[in-house]
């Protein structure tokens, strides 16, 4: 069964709160999850944001990154 928007939002808040405190584990209800790295937490957050957007009827947010390269141009 798919999670509701409220359930996804609750998981998202728990993981964001843990990330913001520097903890690598999250307890949600009676389930505890331990993450290996901050990068893994950020990937899960991005996935949950995408799921939440889909459940709420919107298109998933696209992330755009820019690379700035400077050189002297000799």
Protein backbone atom coordinates (compact mmCIF):
# COMPACT_ATOMS: atom_id res chain seq x y z
CA UNK A 1 0.00 0.00 0.00
CA UNK A 2 1.29 3.45 -0.91
CA UNK A 3 1.99 6.02 1.77
CA UNK A 4 -0.28 9.03 2.10
CA UNK A 5 1.01 12.59 1.75
CA UNK A 6 0.89 12.98 5.55
CA UNK A 7 2.98 9.83 6.10
CA UNK A 8 5.58 10.89 3.55
CA UNK A 9 5.72 14.42 5.00
CA UNK A 10 6.22 12.95 8.48
CA UNK A 11 9.12 10.76 7.30
CA UNK A 12 10.61 13.70 5.44
CA UNK A 13 10.47 15.90 8.55
CA UNK A 14 12.09 13.20 10.70
CA UNK A 15 14.99 12.73 8.28
CA UNK A 16 15.50 16.49 7.80
CA UNK A 17 15.50 17.01 11.58
CA UNK A 18 18.09 14.25 12.03
CA UNK A 19 20.24 15.66 9.20
CA UNK A 20 20.08 19.15 10.70
CA UNK A 21 21.29 17.88 14.09
CA UNK A 22 24.08 15.84 12.52
CA UNK A 23 22.64 12.48 13.59
CA UNK A 24 22.91 9.53 11.22
CA UNK A 25 19.87 7.71 12.54
CA UNK A 26 16.13 8.36 12.47
CA UNK A 27 13.43 6.90 14.67
CA UNK A 28 9.97 7.08 13.09
CA UNK A 29 7.30 5.43 15.21
CA UNK A 30 8.68 2.06 16.27
CA UNK A 31 11.15 1.87 13.36
CA UNK A 32 14.75 3.06 13.56
CA UNK A 33 16.93 3.60 10.48
CA UNK A 34 20.68 4.17 10.54
CA UNK A 35 22.25 5.88 7.53
CA UNK A 36 25.83 5.39 6.32
CA UNK A 37 26.49 8.98 5.30
CA UNK A 38 25.10 12.46 4.84
CA UNK A 39 24.98 11.84 1.08
CA UNK A 40 22.68 8.87 1.65
CA UNK A 41 20.38 11.00 3.82
CA UNK A 42 20.26 13.69 1.13
CA UNK A 43 19.40 11.09 -1.52
CA UNK A 44 16.54 9.76 0.63
CA UNK A 45 15.29 13.31 1.23
CA UNK A 46 15.27 13.98 -2.52
CA UNK A 47 13.39 10.72 -3.11
CA UNK A 48 10.79 11.52 -0.44
CA UNK A 49 10.32 15.03 -1.86
CA UNK A 50 9.70 13.47 -5.27
CA UNK A 51 7.21 10.97 -3.80
CA UNK A 52 5.41 13.75 -1.91
CA UNK A 53 5.16 15.87 -5.03
CA UNK A 54 3.78 12.91 -7.00
CA UNK A 55 1.21 12.03 -4.31
CA UNK A 56 0.09 15.66 -4.13
CA UNK A 57 -0.48 15.67 -7.88
CA UNK A 58 2.42 17.78 -9.03
CA UNK A 59 5.38 16.91 -11.16
CA UNK A 60 8.55 15.98 -9.27
CA UNK A 61 10.93 18.88 -8.74
CA UNK A 62 13.95 18.88 -10.98
CA UNK A 63 17.28 19.81 -9.49
CA UNK A 64 19.56 21.91 -11.61
CA UNK A 65 23.25 22.29 -10.84
CA UNK A 66 25.65 24.78 -12.31
CA UNK A 67 29.38 24.37 -12.65
CA UNK A 68 31.41 27.55 -12.67
CA UNK A 69 34.87 27.21 -14.12
CA UNK A 70 37.33 30.08 -13.99
CA UNK A 71 40.58 30.33 -15.86
CA UNK A 72 43.00 33.07 -16.79
CA UNK A 73 42.75 32.33 -20.50
CA UNK A 74 46.43 32.48 -21.29
